[in-house]
Amino acid sequence: MAEFAVGVTRETPVPGDFRAVIGDNTVYLPAALVQPLRMQGATTPTSILSYLQSFPSAAANMLGWSVADVQSAVRRLEVQLTGAVPSWALSAASHAEPTYGALNPALLRKSTHGQS
């Protein structure tokens, strides 16, 4: 799959909607979104989507939105980008959840001693 280009529009994103438009193998997004993301190294539709999925609080701060508004806009963008980005990039939920911290010692002892 060939990567779509990113184009810039004069649209203003509104909470819950980045105002993306797909056409001519280009994903058009508002300059208010594209310019700061380019400074973060997100220059393709896939990398922009990945950034927004991974750092919704940073995007919320950048746009003056709530995190919930960004997450809603990301879900809408995932639908819009179907066919424009690889399918693995379309849902943050499809990525494996990392593990954090140590196991609870009490639970670990129970499982190793055959108790439940």
Protein backbone atom coordinates (compact mmCIF):
# COMPACT_ATOMS: atom_id res chain seq x y z
CA MET A 1 0.00 0.00 0.00
CA ALA A 2 1.41 3.36 -1.02
CA GLU A 3 1.39 5.96 1.74
CA PHE A 4 -1.02 8.83 1.21
CA ALA A 5 0.38 12.37 1.33
CA VAL A 6 -0.62 14.93 3.96
CA GLY A 7 -2.13 18.19 2.78
CA VAL A 8 -3.02 21.27 4.80
CA THR A 9 -6.38 23.04 4.86
CA ARG A 10 -7.58 26.29 6.37
CA GLU A 11 -10.35 24.46 8.21
CA THR A 12 -10.52 24.86 11.96
CA PRO A 13 -10.71 21.61 13.90
CA VAL A 14 -13.59 21.45 16.36
CA PRO A 15 -13.68 19.33 19.51
CA GLY A 16 -14.36 15.76 18.45
CA ASP A 17 -13.59 16.34 14.76
CA PHE A 18 -10.23 17.10 13.19
CA ARG A 19 -12.07 18.04 9.95
CA ALA A 20 -10.05 15.62 7.85
CA VAL A 21 -10.82 15.28 4.15
CA ILE A 22 -9.52 12.42 2.02
CA GLY A 23 -9.02 12.91 -1.71
CA ASP A 24 -6.53 12.34 -4.53
CA ASN A 25 -4.34 10.04 -2.39
CA THR A 26 -3.98 12.88 0.11
CA VAL A 27 -5.23 13.28 3.66
CA TYR A 28 -6.07 16.94 4.18
CA LEU A 29 -5.93 18.17 7.77
CA PRO A 30 -6.11 21.63 9.33
CA ALA A 31 -2.85 23.55 9.61
CA ALA A 32 -3.51 23.95 13.36
CA LEU A 33 -3.05 20.18 13.65
CA VAL A 34 -0.48 19.43 10.95
CA GLN A 35 2.11 22.10 11.74
CA PRO A 36 2.71 21.18 15.42
CA LEU A 37 2.70 17.46 14.56
CA ARG A 38 5.33 17.99 11.86
CA MET A 39 7.53 19.56 14.52
CA GLN A 40 7.15 16.29 16.47
CA GLY A 41 8.20 14.25 13.44
CA ALA A 42 4.71 13.09 12.43
CA THR A 43 4.64 13.75 8.70
CA THR A 44 2.59 10.91 7.20
CA PRO A 45 -1.05 9.94 7.79
CA THR A 46 0.13 6.82 9.66
CA SER A 47 2.56 8.70 11.90
CA ILE A 48 0.00 11.45 12.59
CA LEU A 49 -2.62 8.89 13.56
CA SER A 50 -0.11 7.02 15.71
CA TYR A 51 0.89 10.22 17.51
CA LEU A 52 -2.74 11.16 18.18
CA GLN A 53 -3.54 7.65 19.45
CA SER A 54 -0.45 7.52 21.65
CA PHE A 55 -0.47 11.06 23.06
CA PRO A 56 -4.08 12.27 23.31
CA SER A 57 -3.27 14.56 26.23
CA ALA A 58 -0.51 16.28 24.24
CA ALA A 59 -2.90 16.75 21.32
CA ALA A 60 -5.57 18.04 23.70
CA ASN A 61 -3.14 20.58 25.11
CA MET A 62 -2.07 21.62 21.61
CA LEU A 63 -5.68 22.16 20.46
CA GLY A 64 -7.17 23.42 23.74
CA TRP A 65 -9.55 20.43 23.86
CA SER A 66 -10.32 17.78 26.45
CA VAL A 67 -8.69 14.37 26.12
CA ALA A 68 -12.16 12.89 25.50
CA ASP A 69 -12.63 15.28 22.56
CA VAL A 70 -9.31 14.18 21.06
CA GLN A 71 -10.16 10.50 21.56
CA SER A 72 -13.50 11.04 19.84
CA ALA A 73 -11.79 12.82 16.95
CA VAL A 74 -9.23 10.00 16.70
CA ARG A 75 -12.01 7.39 16.42
CA ARG A 76 -13.59 9.45 13.63
CA LEU A 77 -10.21 9.83 11.91
CA GLU A 78 -9.57 6.06 12.12
CA VAL A 79 -12.80 5.46 10.19
CA GLN A 80 -11.92 8.12 7.62
CA LEU A 81 -8.41 6.72 7.11
CA THR A 82 -9.61 3.19 6.31
CA GLY A 83 -7.82 2.35 3.07
CA ALA A 84 -5.42 5.28 3.38
CA VAL A 85 -3.22 3.77 6.10
CA PRO A 86 -2.28 0.17 6.94
CA SER A 87 -5.05 -1.67 8.80
CA TRP A 88 -2.79 -2.30 11.82
CA ALA A 89 -2.63 1.47 12.42
CA LEU A 90 -6.38 1.99 12.56
CA SER A 91 -6.99 1.10 16.17
CA ALA A 92 -4.81 1.73 19.17
CA ALA A 93 -6.71 -1.14 20.84
CA SER A 94 -5.12 -3.58 18.38
CA HIS A 95 -1.69 -2.90 19.85
CA ALA A 96 -0.50 -5.11 22.68
CA GLU A 97 -0.86 -3.57 26.11
CA PRO A 98 2.49 -3.22 27.85
CA THR A 99 2.94 -4.72 31.29
CA TYR A 100 3.95 -2.52 34.16
CA GLY A 101 5.49 -3.18 37.55
CA ALA A 102 5.93 -6.35 39.51
CA LEU A 103 3.46 -9.07 40.31
CA ASN A 104 1.63 -8.97 43.60
CA PRO A 105 3.76 -11.25 45.87
CA ALA A 106 0.71 -12.60 47.69
CA LEU A 107 -0.90 -13.68 44.41
CA LEU A 108 2.37 -15.07 43.14
CA ARG A 109 2.81 -17.24 46.28
CA LYS A 110 -0.73 -18.58 45.92
CA SER A 111 -0.24 -19.55 42.29
CA THR A 112 3.15 -21.23 42.91
CA HIS A 113 1.86 -23.22 45.91
CA GLY A 114 -1.13 -24.59 44.04
CA GLN A 115 -3.60 -22.48 46.01
CA SER A 116 -6.26 -20.29 44.45
